[in-house]
Amino acid sequence: DTQNVLQFMGLIGAKFEFRVSKRCVIFYYDDYTIVMYSFKVKDKEFKIIEVELHKADFNLITDIESTLSKLNGFDARKTVDKSKFQIIKQELYDAT
């Protein structure tokens, strides 16, 4: 239950920051897992693709990028250098 979790976190000194709903779709392959996240912050939609390698073979990244480049709107050069938490926090509290 969400209320119990919030109450427990308060008891251990955690400060509630924000709530966000996100959707994720997970695709499992032998060598890696691809997770596609989508979430909205202040009516701005974000879509992020995460790749988790099951073994340290960075040649797989090139193969994955090549495959994903067939998706409309995918650009391997647009890397995310922030966590989802950082993105959401920046969007919520950015004064601009």
C-alpha atoms as a PDB file:
ATOM      1  CA  ASP A   1       0.000   0.000   0.000  1.00  0.00           C
ATOM      2  CA  THR A   2       1.415   3.377  -1.059  1.00  0.00           C
ATOM      3  CA  GLN A   3       0.423   5.162   2.146  1.00  0.00           C
ATOM      4  CA  ASN A   4       2.323   2.619   4.276  1.00  0.00           C
ATOM      5  CA  VAL A   5       5.447   3.073   2.177  1.00  0.00           C
ATOM      6  CA  LEU A   6       5.210   6.876   2.425  1.00  0.00           C
ATOM      7  CA  GLN A   7       4.693   6.653   6.185  1.00  0.00           C
ATOM      8  CA  PHE A   8       7.663   4.289   6.598  1.00  0.00           C
ATOM      9  CA  MET A   9       9.935   6.495   4.475  1.00  0.00           C
ATOM     10  CA  GLY A  10       8.940   9.484   6.613  1.00  0.00           C
ATOM     11  CA  LEU A  11       9.819   7.573   9.770  1.00  0.00           C
ATOM     12  CA  ILE A  12      13.351   6.919   8.496  1.00  0.00           C
ATOM     13  CA  GLY A  13      13.817  10.565   7.568  1.00  0.00           C
ATOM     14  CA  ALA A  14      13.204  10.482   3.815  1.00  0.00           C
ATOM     15  CA  LYS A  15      11.583  13.531   2.280  1.00  0.00           C
ATOM     16  CA  PHE A  16       8.856  12.951  -0.308  1.00  0.00           C
ATOM     17  CA  GLU A  17      10.015  14.541  -3.559  1.00  0.00           C
ATOM     18  CA  PHE A  18       7.361  13.910  -6.205  1.00  0.00           C
ATOM     19  CA  ARG A  19       5.173  11.261  -7.786  1.00  0.00           C
ATOM     20  CA  VAL A  20       5.299  10.301 -11.452  1.00  0.00           C
ATOM     21  CA  SER A  21       3.781   7.494 -13.453  1.00  0.00           C
ATOM     22  CA  LYS A  22       5.853   5.839 -16.106  1.00  0.00           C
ATOM     23  CA  ARG A  23       5.210   3.066 -18.530  1.00  0.00           C
ATOM     24  CA  CYS A  24       7.855   0.592 -19.535  1.00  0.00           C
ATOM     25  CA  VAL A  25       7.950  -2.134 -22.122  1.00  0.00           C
ATOM     26  CA  ILE A  26      10.674  -4.763 -21.739  1.00  0.00           C
ATOM     27  CA  PHE A  27      12.225  -6.835 -24.514  1.00  0.00           C
ATOM     28  CA  TYR A  28      14.548  -9.665 -23.525  1.00  0.00           C
ATOM     29  CA  TYR A  29      17.189 -11.059 -25.871  1.00  0.00           C
ATOM     30  CA  ASP A  30      19.932 -13.597 -25.194  1.00  0.00           C
ATOM     31  CA  ASP A  31      22.693 -10.962 -25.003  1.00  0.00           C
ATOM     32  CA  TYR A  32      20.823  -7.895 -23.728  1.00  0.00           C
ATOM     33  CA  THR A  33      17.552  -6.433 -22.488  1.00  0.00           C
ATOM     34  CA  ILE A  34      15.931  -3.336 -23.980  1.00  0.00           C
ATOM     35  CA  VAL A  35      13.555  -1.273 -21.845  1.00  0.00           C
ATOM     36  CA  MET A  36      11.494   1.485 -23.422  1.00  0.00           C
ATOM     37  CA  TYR A  37      10.221   4.027 -20.872  1.00  0.00           C
ATOM     38  CA  SER A  38       7.661   6.751 -21.434  1.00  0.00           C
ATOM     39  CA  PHE A  39       6.526   9.311 -18.885  1.00  0.00           C
ATOM     40  CA  LYS A  40       5.107  12.821 -18.730  1.00  0.00           C
ATOM     41  CA  VAL A  41       6.195  15.763 -16.634  1.00  0.00           C
ATOM     42  CA  LYS A  42       4.114  18.940 -16.846  1.00  0.00           C
ATOM     43  CA  ASP A  43       2.505  17.699 -20.076  1.00  0.00           C
ATOM     44  CA  LYS A  44       5.914  17.157 -21.703  1.00  0.00           C
ATOM     45  CA  GLU A  45       6.388  13.574 -22.838  1.00  0.00           C
ATOM     46  CA  PHE A  46       9.706  11.769 -22.518  1.00  0.00           C
ATOM     47  CA  LYS A  47      10.666   8.511 -24.180  1.00  0.00           C
ATOM     48  CA  ILE A  48      13.878   6.787 -23.180  1.00  0.00           C
ATOM     49  CA  ILE A  49      15.379   3.524 -24.355  1.00  0.00           C
ATOM     50  CA  GLU A  50      17.731   1.732 -21.966  1.00  0.00           C
ATOM     51  CA  VAL A  51      19.937  -1.149 -23.015  1.00  0.00           C
ATOM     52  CA  GLU A  52      21.269  -3.561 -20.411  1.00  0.00           C
ATOM     53  CA  LEU A  53      24.026  -5.824 -21.663  1.00  0.00           C
ATOM     54  CA  HIS A  54      24.086  -9.302 -20.149  1.00  0.00           C
ATOM     55  CA  LYS A  55      27.820  -9.545 -20.836  1.00  0.00           C
ATOM     56  CA  ALA A  56      30.566  -6.994 -21.413  1.00  0.00           C
ATOM     57  CA  ASP A  57      30.538  -6.983 -25.223  1.00  0.00           C
ATOM     58  CA  PHE A  58      30.333  -3.389 -26.372  1.00  0.00           C
ATOM     59  CA  ASN A  59      30.109  -4.466 -30.027  1.00  0.00           C
ATOM     60  CA  LEU A  60      26.521  -5.337 -29.153  1.00  0.00           C
ATOM     61  CA  ILE A  61      25.781  -1.646 -28.643  1.00  0.00           C
ATOM     62  CA  THR A  62      26.633  -0.885 -32.281  1.00  0.00           C
ATOM     63  CA  ASP A  63      24.383  -3.716 -33.413  1.00  0.00           C
ATOM     64  CA  ILE A  64      21.553  -2.523 -31.178  1.00  0.00           C
ATOM     65  CA  GLU A  65      21.897   1.084 -32.352  1.00  0.00           C
ATOM     66  CA  SER A  66      21.786  -0.089 -35.953  1.00  0.00           C
ATOM     67  CA  THR A  67      18.598  -2.045 -35.313  1.00  0.00           C
ATOM     68  CA  LEU A  68      16.947   0.740 -33.305  1.00  0.00           C
ATOM     69  CA  SER A  69      17.826   3.353 -35.940  1.00  0.00           C
ATOM     70  CA  LYS A  70      15.020   1.852 -38.007  1.00  0.00           C
ATOM     71  CA  LEU A  71      12.551   3.236 -35.446  1.00  0.00           C
ATOM     72  CA  ASN A  72      10.962   6.538 -36.370  1.00  0.00           C
ATOM     73  CA  GLY A  73      12.545   9.274 -34.247  1.00  0.00           C
ATOM     74  CA  PHE A  74      15.413   7.190 -32.857  1.00  0.00           C
ATOM     75  CA  ASP A  75      18.823   8.844 -32.995  1.00  0.00           C
ATOM     76  CA  ALA A  76      21.757   7.044 -31.352  1.00  0.00           C
ATOM     77  CA  ARG A  77      23.583  10.383 -31.100  1.00  0.00           C
ATOM     78  CA  LYS A  78      20.963  11.639 -28.627  1.00  0.00           C
ATOM     79  CA  THR A  79      22.270   9.999 -25.510  1.00  0.00           C
ATOM     80  CA  VAL A  80      20.840  10.693 -22.072  1.00  0.00           C
ATOM     81  CA  ASP A  81      23.406  11.801 -19.528  1.00  0.00           C
ATOM     82  CA  LYS A  82      20.930  12.096 -16.650  1.00  0.00           C
ATOM     83  CA  SER A  83      18.897   9.610 -14.693  1.00  0.00           C
ATOM     84  CA  LYS A  84      15.117   9.572 -15.062  1.00  0.00           C
ATOM     85  CA  PHE A  85      14.955  11.054 -11.543  1.00  0.00           C
ATOM     86  CA  GLN A  86      17.221  13.951 -12.580  1.00  0.00           C
ATOM     87  CA  ILE A  87      15.177  14.613 -15.726  1.00  0.00           C
ATOM     88  CA  ILE A  88      11.905  14.678 -13.804  1.00  0.00           C
ATOM     89  CA  LYS A  89      13.283  16.838 -10.994  1.00  0.00           C
ATOM     90  CA  GLN A  90      14.724  19.341 -13.475  1.00  0.00           C
ATOM     91  CA  GLU A  91      11.429  19.582 -15.369  1.00  0.00           C
ATOM     92  CA  LEU A  92       9.410  20.016 -12.178  1.00  0.00           C
ATOM     93  CA  TYR A  93      11.600  22.653 -10.555  1.00  0.00           C
ATOM     94  CA  ASP A  94      13.151  24.462 -13.526  1.00  0.00           C
ATOM     95  CA  ALA A  95      12.110  28.097 -13.312  1.00  0.00           C
ATOM     96  CA  THR A  96      12.225  28.689 -17.068  1.00  0.00           C
END
